Amino acid sequence: MRRFIITSDKFSGSAELVFNTQGLLLMIDARKATMDADTMQKFKRAAPVTIDQISTAFTQGTTVIEQDFEISLDDFKREYPYSRNYHLLTKRWEKMNKSEQVEAYFSAIEYRKYCNRNDWYKAKIADSWLANKEFKNDWRKM
């Protein structure tokens, strides 16, 4: 996944675009930006659907900077729905590359929602969930 921070003279603060590993727009986050409704509509229309259009998507006066995700093990633990045997996670987390950590973090959010929707299902221990690469599943469709 790739993350881009957008600043502009048309609004204060910054907005964020997140693209998935296939290069498709995954999320627009404007929580740190102050925009009126008209500016927000223009921003959403300008946001590219694919990552290869990012360089031509925005007009002059707008700056686009790619930034890495900073996901810590504590961030992951906060989102994961089952807090047992966390002592096993440190070594596994350190062995994962940064993109897998980001993917696991966002997947843990969806996994929590899945567990809440299916109260009959007992969440797995996080270490085995990561070891089996279950963060690769699309928990929204299950």
N, C-alpha and C. Protein backbone atom coordinates (compact mmCIF):
# COMPACT_ATOMS: atom_id res chain seq x y z
N MET A 1 0.84 -1.17 0.00
CA MET A 1 0.00 0.00 0.00
C MET A 1 0.89 1.23 0.00
N ARG A 2 0.34 2.26 -0.64
CA ARG A 2 1.08 3.52 -0.72
C ARG A 2 0.19 4.65 -0.24
N ARG A 3 0.84 5.63 0.37
CA ARG A 3 0.14 6.73 1.02
C ARG A 3 0.68 8.06 0.50
N PHE A 4 -0.22 8.98 0.17
CA PHE A 4 0.16 10.29 -0.33
C PHE A 4 -0.51 11.37 0.51
N ILE A 5 0.28 12.37 0.90
CA ILE A 5 -0.21 13.52 1.66
C ILE A 5 -0.38 14.68 0.69
N ILE A 6 -1.57 15.29 0.71
CA ILE A 6 -1.89 16.38 -0.20
C ILE A 6 -2.10 17.66 0.60
N THR A 7 -1.39 18.71 0.23
CA THR A 7 -1.61 20.04 0.80
C THR A 7 -1.93 20.98 -0.35
N SER A 8 -2.65 22.05 -0.05
CA SER A 8 -3.06 22.96 -1.11
C SER A 8 -3.30 24.35 -0.54
N ASP A 9 -3.22 25.34 -1.41
CA ASP A 9 -3.55 26.69 -0.99
C ASP A 9 -5.07 26.90 -0.96
N LYS A 10 -5.84 25.89 -1.39
CA LYS A 10 -7.30 25.97 -1.40
C LYS A 10 -7.94 25.50 -0.09
N PHE A 11 -7.14 24.85 0.77
CA PHE A 11 -7.64 24.42 2.08
C PHE A 11 -6.49 24.39 3.07
N SER A 12 -6.83 24.42 4.35
CA SER A 12 -5.78 24.35 5.37
C SER A 12 -5.64 22.92 5.86
N GLY A 13 -4.48 22.60 6.36
CA GLY A 13 -4.21 21.23 6.82
C GLY A 13 -3.77 20.35 5.66
N SER A 14 -3.98 19.04 5.83
CA SER A 14 -3.58 18.11 4.78
C SER A 14 -4.59 16.98 4.66
N ALA A 15 -4.69 16.44 3.47
CA ALA A 15 -5.55 15.29 3.19
C ALA A 15 -4.64 14.13 2.80
N GLU A 16 -5.20 12.95 2.82
CA GLU A 16 -4.39 11.76 2.57
C GLU A 16 -5.13 10.84 1.60
N LEU A 17 -4.38 10.29 0.65
CA LEU A 17 -4.90 9.27 -0.26
C LEU A 17 -4.11 7.99 -0.02
N VAL A 18 -4.82 6.87 0.08
CA VAL A 18 -4.18 5.57 0.29
C VAL A 18 -4.58 4.67 -0.87
N PHE A 19 -3.58 4.05 -1.47
CA PHE A 19 -3.79 3.13 -2.58
C PHE A 19 -3.41 1.72 -2.15
N ASN A 20 -4.17 0.73 -2.61
CA ASN A 20 -3.86 -0.66 -2.24
C ASN A 20 -2.69 -1.18 -3.06
N THR A 21 -2.34 -2.44 -2.85
CA THR A 21 -1.16 -3.02 -3.52
C THR A 21 -1.36 -3.14 -5.03
N GLN A 22 -2.61 -3.11 -5.50
CA GLN A 22 -2.87 -3.16 -6.94
C GLN A 22 -2.89 -1.76 -7.57
N GLY A 23 -2.70 -0.73 -6.74
CA GLY A 23 -2.65 0.64 -7.26
C GLY A 23 -4.01 1.31 -7.37
N LEU A 24 -5.04 0.75 -6.74
CA LEU A 24 -6.36 1.36 -6.77
C LEU A 24 -6.60 2.16 -5.50
N LEU A 25 -7.34 3.26 -5.65
CA LEU A 25 -7.64 4.12 -4.51
C LEU A 25 -8.42 3.34 -3.47
N LEU A 26 -7.93 3.36 -2.26
CA LEU A 26 -8.54 2.62 -1.17
C LEU A 26 -9.26 3.56 -0.20
N MET A 27 -8.66 4.76 0.03
CA MET A 27 -9.22 5.63 1.05
C MET A 27 -8.83 7.09 0.79
N ILE A 28 -9.77 7.97 1.05
CA ILE A 28 -9.52 9.41 1.09
C ILE A 28 -9.75 9.82 2.54
N ASP A 29 -8.75 10.41 3.16
CA ASP A 29 -8.85 10.82 4.56
C ASP A 29 -8.62 12.33 4.63
N ALA A 30 -9.68 13.05 4.97
CA ALA A 30 -9.59 14.51 5.06
C ALA A 30 -9.80 14.99 6.49
N ARG A 31 -9.55 14.13 7.47
CA ARG A 31 -9.76 14.52 8.87
C ARG A 31 -8.83 15.63 9.31
N LYS A 32 -7.65 15.73 8.71
CA LYS A 32 -6.68 16.75 9.11
C LYS A 32 -6.75 17.99 8.22
N ALA A 33 -7.76 18.05 7.37
CA ALA A 33 -7.93 19.19 6.46
C ALA A 33 -9.19 19.95 6.82
N THR A 34 -9.15 21.25 6.59
CA THR A 34 -10.33 22.08 6.79
C THR A 34 -10.80 22.55 5.42
N MET A 35 -11.90 21.96 4.96
CA MET A 35 -12.44 22.28 3.64
C MET A 35 -13.93 22.55 3.76
N ASP A 36 -14.42 23.48 2.93
CA ASP A 36 -15.86 23.66 2.86
C ASP A 36 -16.42 22.57 1.92
N ALA A 37 -17.72 22.50 1.82
CA ALA A 37 -18.36 21.43 1.04
C ALA A 37 -17.95 21.47 -0.43
N ASP A 38 -17.87 22.67 -1.00
CA ASP A 38 -17.50 22.80 -2.41
C ASP A 38 -16.07 22.34 -2.66
N THR A 39 -15.16 22.73 -1.78
CA THR A 39 -13.76 22.30 -1.91
C THR A 39 -13.64 20.80 -1.76
N MET A 40 -14.40 20.22 -0.84
CA MET A 40 -14.37 18.77 -0.65
C MET A 40 -14.85 18.04 -1.90
N GLN A 41 -15.92 18.54 -2.51
CA GLN A 41 -16.42 17.92 -3.74
C GLN A 41 -15.38 17.98 -4.85
N LYS A 42 -14.73 19.12 -5.00
CA LYS A 42 -13.69 19.27 -6.03
C LYS A 42 -12.51 18.35 -5.74
N PHE A 43 -12.15 18.24 -4.46
CA PHE A 43 -11.04 17.36 -4.09
C PHE A 43 -11.37 15.90 -4.42
N LYS A 44 -12.58 15.47 -4.09
CA LYS A 44 -12.98 14.08 -4.37
C LYS A 44 -13.02 13.81 -5.87
N ARG A 45 -13.47 14.79 -6.65
CA ARG A 45 -13.49 14.61 -8.11
C ARG A 45 -12.09 14.56 -8.69
N ALA A 46 -11.16 15.30 -8.10
CA ALA A 46 -9.78 15.33 -8.60
C ALA A 46 -8.98 14.10 -8.18
N ALA A 47 -9.37 13.45 -7.09
CA ALA A 47 -8.62 12.29 -6.59
C ALA A 47 -8.62 11.18 -7.64
N PRO A 48 -7.44 10.69 -7.99
CA PRO A 48 -7.37 9.66 -9.04
C PRO A 48 -7.81 8.30 -8.51
N VAL A 49 -8.38 7.50 -9.38
CA VAL A 49 -8.82 6.16 -9.02
C VAL A 49 -7.63 5.20 -9.02
N THR A 50 -6.66 5.47 -9.88
CA THR A 50 -5.47 4.62 -9.93
C THR A 50 -4.23 5.45 -9.60
N ILE A 51 -3.24 4.79 -9.07
CA ILE A 51 -2.03 5.47 -8.60
C ILE A 51 -1.22 6.08 -9.73
N ASP A 52 -1.32 5.54 -10.93
CA ASP A 52 -0.54 6.08 -12.04
C ASP A 52 -1.03 7.45 -12.51
N GLN A 53 -2.20 7.88 -12.03
CA GLN A 53 -2.74 9.19 -12.39
C GLN A 53 -2.45 10.25 -11.33
N ILE A 54 -1.74 9.89 -10.28
CA ILE A 54 -1.52 10.81 -9.16
C ILE A 54 -0.74 12.06 -9.57
N SER A 55 0.19 11.91 -10.50
CA SER A 55 1.04 13.05 -10.87
C SER A 55 0.28 14.12 -11.65
N THR A 56 -0.82 13.77 -12.31
CA THR A 56 -1.57 14.74 -13.10
C THR A 56 -2.93 15.07 -12.51
N ALA A 57 -3.24 14.53 -11.35
CA ALA A 57 -4.59 14.65 -10.81
C ALA A 57 -4.92 16.03 -10.24
N PHE A 58 -3.96 16.68 -9.64
CA PHE A 58 -4.26 17.93 -8.93
C PHE A 58 -3.68 19.12 -9.66
N THR A 59 -4.31 20.30 -9.46
CA THR A 59 -3.91 21.52 -10.16
C THR A 59 -2.75 22.21 -9.46
N GLN A 60 -2.33 23.32 -10.04
CA GLN A 60 -1.26 24.11 -9.45
C GLN A 60 -1.68 24.59 -8.07
N GLY A 61 -0.71 24.79 -7.21
CA GLY A 61 -0.99 25.21 -5.85
C GLY A 61 -1.22 24.03 -4.92
N THR A 62 -1.10 22.81 -5.46
CA THR A 62 -1.29 21.60 -4.67
C THR A 62 0.01 20.81 -4.65
N THR A 63 0.38 20.34 -3.48
CA THR A 63 1.60 19.55 -3.32
C THR A 63 1.22 18.12 -2.93
N VAL A 64 1.83 17.15 -3.62
CA VAL A 64 1.59 15.74 -3.35
C VAL A 64 2.91 15.11 -2.93
N ILE A 65 2.94 14.53 -1.72
CA ILE A 65 4.16 13.91 -1.20
C ILE A 65 3.83 12.49 -0.74
N GLU A 66 4.61 11.54 -1.21
CA GLU A 66 4.43 10.16 -0.76
C GLU A 66 5.13 9.97 0.59
N GLN A 67 4.43 9.32 1.52
CA GLN A 67 5.00 9.06 2.84
C GLN A 67 4.78 7.60 3.21
N ASP A 68 5.72 7.08 3.97
CA ASP A 68 5.58 5.72 4.47
C ASP A 68 4.56 5.67 5.60
N PHE A 69 3.97 4.49 5.75
CA PHE A 69 3.12 4.24 6.90
C PHE A 69 4.00 3.96 8.10
N GLU A 70 3.58 4.41 9.24
CA GLU A 70 4.26 4.09 10.48
C GLU A 70 3.27 3.33 11.36
N ILE A 71 3.29 2.02 11.24
CA ILE A 71 2.40 1.16 12.02
C ILE A 71 3.25 0.42 13.05
N SER A 72 2.93 0.61 14.30
CA SER A 72 3.68 -0.08 15.35
C SER A 72 2.93 -1.34 15.78
N LEU A 73 3.62 -2.17 16.52
CA LEU A 73 2.99 -3.38 17.06
C LEU A 73 1.85 -2.98 17.99
N ASP A 74 2.01 -1.90 18.74
CA ASP A 74 0.94 -1.44 19.62
C ASP A 74 -0.30 -1.02 18.83
N ASP A 75 -0.10 -0.40 17.66
CA ASP A 75 -1.23 -0.05 16.80
C ASP A 75 -1.98 -1.32 16.39
N PHE A 76 -1.23 -2.34 15.98
CA PHE A 76 -1.84 -3.60 15.58
C PHE A 76 -2.60 -4.23 16.75
N LYS A 77 -1.98 -4.27 17.91
CA LYS A 77 -2.61 -4.87 19.09
C LYS A 77 -3.92 -4.16 19.45
N ARG A 78 -3.93 -2.86 19.28
CA ARG A 78 -5.13 -2.08 19.61
C ARG A 78 -6.31 -2.48 18.72
N GLU A 79 -6.03 -2.84 17.48
CA GLU A 79 -7.09 -3.18 16.53
C GLU A 79 -7.45 -4.66 16.51
N TYR A 80 -6.52 -5.51 16.91
CA TYR A 80 -6.77 -6.95 16.84
C TYR A 80 -7.80 -7.36 17.90
N PRO A 81 -8.78 -8.21 17.56
CA PRO A 81 -9.90 -8.47 18.48
C PRO A 81 -9.64 -9.43 19.63
N TYR A 82 -8.46 -10.03 19.72
CA TYR A 82 -8.23 -11.04 20.75
C TYR A 82 -6.87 -10.79 21.38
N SER A 83 -6.86 -10.50 22.67
CA SER A 83 -5.63 -10.06 23.31
C SER A 83 -4.98 -11.15 24.18
N ARG A 84 -4.80 -12.31 23.61
CA ARG A 84 -4.16 -13.39 24.35
C ARG A 84 -2.83 -13.74 23.69
N ASN A 85 -1.83 -14.06 24.50
CA ASN A 85 -0.50 -14.47 24.03
C ASN A 85 0.19 -13.40 23.18
N TYR A 86 0.01 -12.14 23.55
CA TYR A 86 0.67 -11.06 22.82
C TYR A 86 2.19 -11.13 22.93
N HIS A 87 2.69 -11.81 23.94
CA HIS A 87 4.15 -11.91 24.10
C HIS A 87 4.80 -12.63 22.93
N LEU A 88 4.04 -13.39 22.15
CA LEU A 88 4.58 -14.10 21.00
C LEU A 88 4.72 -13.20 19.77
N LEU A 89 4.08 -12.06 19.79
CA LEU A 89 4.01 -11.22 18.60
C LEU A 89 5.28 -10.47 18.25
N THR A 90 6.07 -10.10 19.21
CA THR A 90 7.20 -9.20 18.96
C THR A 90 8.14 -9.75 17.89
N LYS A 91 8.56 -10.99 18.02
CA LYS A 91 9.49 -11.56 17.04
C LYS A 91 8.87 -11.67 15.66
N ARG A 92 7.61 -12.10 15.60
CA ARG A 92 6.93 -12.24 14.31
C ARG A 92 6.76 -10.87 13.64
N TRP A 93 6.39 -9.87 14.42
CA TRP A 93 6.18 -8.52 13.89
C TRP A 93 7.47 -7.95 13.31
N GLU A 94 8.57 -8.17 14.01
CA GLU A 94 9.87 -7.66 13.55
C GLU A 94 10.32 -8.34 12.27
N LYS A 95 9.91 -9.58 12.03
CA LYS A 95 10.29 -10.30 10.81
C LYS A 95 9.47 -9.88 9.60
N MET A 96 8.31 -9.30 9.84
CA MET A 96 7.44 -8.88 8.74
C MET A 96 7.98 -7.61 8.11
N ASN A 97 7.84 -7.50 6.79
CA ASN A 97 8.26 -6.25 6.14
C ASN A 97 7.19 -5.19 6.37
N LYS A 98 7.52 -3.95 6.08
CA LYS A 98 6.65 -2.81 6.38
C LYS A 98 5.30 -2.92 5.67
N SER A 99 5.28 -3.38 4.42
CA SER A 99 4.00 -3.48 3.71
C SER A 99 3.11 -4.56 4.32
N GLU A 100 3.70 -5.65 4.80
CA GLU A 100 2.90 -6.68 5.48
C GLU A 100 2.35 -6.16 6.80
N GLN A 101 3.12 -5.37 7.51
CA GLN A 101 2.64 -4.79 8.76
C GLN A 101 1.44 -3.87 8.52
N VAL A 102 1.54 -3.05 7.49
CA VAL A 102 0.44 -2.15 7.15
C VAL A 102 -0.79 -2.96 6.75
N GLU A 103 -0.58 -3.96 5.92
CA GLU A 103 -1.68 -4.82 5.48
C GLU A 103 -2.32 -5.54 6.67
N ALA A 104 -1.50 -6.04 7.58
CA ALA A 104 -2.01 -6.74 8.76
C ALA A 104 -2.82 -5.78 9.64
N TYR A 105 -2.35 -4.56 9.79
CA TYR A 105 -3.06 -3.58 10.61
C TYR A 105 -4.46 -3.31 10.05
N PHE A 106 -4.55 -2.99 8.76
CA PHE A 106 -5.85 -2.69 8.17
C PHE A 106 -6.74 -3.93 8.13
N SER A 107 -6.16 -5.08 7.93
CA SER A 107 -6.93 -6.32 7.93
C SER A 107 -7.44 -6.64 9.34
N ALA A 108 -6.68 -6.30 10.37
CA ALA A 108 -7.12 -6.53 11.75
C ALA A 108 -8.38 -5.72 12.06
N ILE A 109 -8.48 -4.54 11.50
CA ILE A 109 -9.68 -3.72 11.68
C ILE A 109 -10.89 -4.44 11.09
N GLU A 110 -10.73 -4.96 9.88
CA GLU A 110 -11.83 -5.69 9.23
C GLU A 110 -12.11 -7.02 9.92
N TYR A 111 -11.07 -7.65 10.44
CA TYR A 111 -11.22 -8.92 11.17
C TYR A 111 -12.03 -8.69 12.45
N ARG A 112 -11.78 -7.60 13.13
CA ARG A 112 -12.55 -7.25 14.33
C ARG A 112 -14.04 -7.10 13.97
N LYS A 113 -14.31 -6.42 12.86
CA LYS A 113 -15.70 -6.25 12.42
C LYS A 113 -16.33 -7.60 12.08
N TYR A 114 -15.55 -8.46 11.44
CA TYR A 114 -16.02 -9.81 11.12
C TYR A 114 -16.39 -10.56 12.40
N CYS A 115 -15.52 -10.51 13.39
CA CYS A 115 -15.78 -11.19 14.67
C CYS A 115 -17.02 -10.63 15.36
N ASN A 116 -17.23 -9.32 15.27
CA ASN A 116 -18.41 -8.70 15.87
C ASN A 116 -19.69 -9.10 15.13
N ARG A 117 -19.61 -9.24 13.80
CA ARG A 117 -20.78 -9.66 13.02
C ARG A 117 -21.15 -11.11 13.30
N ASN A 118 -20.15 -11.94 13.54
CA ASN A 118 -20.35 -13.37 13.73
C ASN A 118 -19.98 -13.74 15.16
N ASP A 119 -20.90 -13.50 16.06
CA ASP A 119 -20.59 -13.71 17.47
C ASP A 119 -20.33 -15.17 17.83
N TRP A 120 -20.64 -16.08 16.94
CA TRP A 120 -20.35 -17.51 17.16
C TRP A 120 -18.88 -17.82 16.90
N TYR A 121 -18.19 -16.93 16.19
CA TYR A 121 -16.81 -17.15 15.80
C TYR A 121 -15.86 -16.63 16.87
N LYS A 122 -14.90 -17.46 17.28
CA LYS A 122 -13.90 -17.04 18.26
C LYS A 122 -12.63 -16.64 17.52
N ALA A 123 -12.18 -15.42 17.76
CA ALA A 123 -10.98 -14.92 17.09
C ALA A 123 -9.77 -15.76 17.44
N LYS A 124 -8.85 -15.86 16.50
CA LYS A 124 -7.63 -16.64 16.70
C LYS A 124 -6.60 -15.83 17.47
N ILE A 125 -5.63 -16.52 18.03
CA ILE A 125 -4.51 -15.85 18.67
C ILE A 125 -3.74 -15.10 17.58
N ALA A 126 -3.37 -13.88 17.86
CA ALA A 126 -2.78 -13.00 16.85
C ALA A 126 -1.53 -13.59 16.21
N ASP A 127 -0.69 -14.26 16.97
CA ASP A 127 0.54 -14.81 16.40
C ASP A 127 0.23 -15.85 15.33
N SER A 128 -0.71 -16.73 15.57
CA SER A 128 -1.04 -17.73 14.55
C SER A 128 -1.78 -17.10 13.38
N TRP A 129 -2.57 -16.05 13.65
CA TRP A 129 -3.26 -15.33 12.58
C TRP A 129 -2.25 -14.71 11.61
N LEU A 130 -1.18 -14.14 12.19
CA LEU A 130 -0.12 -13.57 11.35
C LEU A 130 0.71 -14.65 10.67
N ALA A 131 1.03 -15.72 11.41
CA ALA A 131 1.85 -16.80 10.85
C ALA A 131 1.18 -17.46 9.66
N ASN A 132 -0.14 -17.60 9.72
CA ASN A 132 -0.89 -18.22 8.62
C ASN A 132 -1.27 -17.21 7.53
N LYS A 133 -0.80 -15.98 7.70
CA LYS A 133 -1.04 -14.89 6.74
C LYS A 133 -2.54 -14.69 6.48
N GLU A 134 -3.32 -14.81 7.53
CA GLU A 134 -4.76 -14.62 7.40
C GLU A 134 -5.12 -13.16 7.17
N PHE A 135 -4.16 -12.27 7.33
CA PHE A 135 -4.40 -10.86 7.01
C PHE A 135 -4.53 -10.65 5.51
N LYS A 136 -4.21 -11.65 4.72
CA LYS A 136 -4.38 -11.58 3.26
C LYS A 136 -5.83 -11.81 2.85
N ASN A 137 -6.67 -12.36 3.76
CA ASN A 137 -8.08 -12.60 3.47
C ASN A 137 -8.83 -11.29 3.38
N ASP A 138 -9.88 -11.28 2.60
CA ASP A 138 -10.75 -10.10 2.55
C ASP A 138 -11.88 -10.32 3.53
N TRP A 139 -11.72 -9.84 4.74
CA TRP A 139 -12.68 -10.07 5.81
C TRP A 139 -13.98 -9.34 5.60
N ARG A 140 -14.01 -8.37 4.71
CA ARG A 140 -15.26 -7.67 4.42
C ARG A 140 -16.22 -8.55 3.64
N LYS A 141 -15.69 -9.48 2.84
CA LYS A 141 -16.52 -10.33 2.01
C LYS A 141 -16.87 -11.67 2.65
N MET A 142 -16.35 -11.91 3.82
CA MET A 142 -16.60 -13.20 4.47
C MET A 142 -17.79 -13.12 5.40
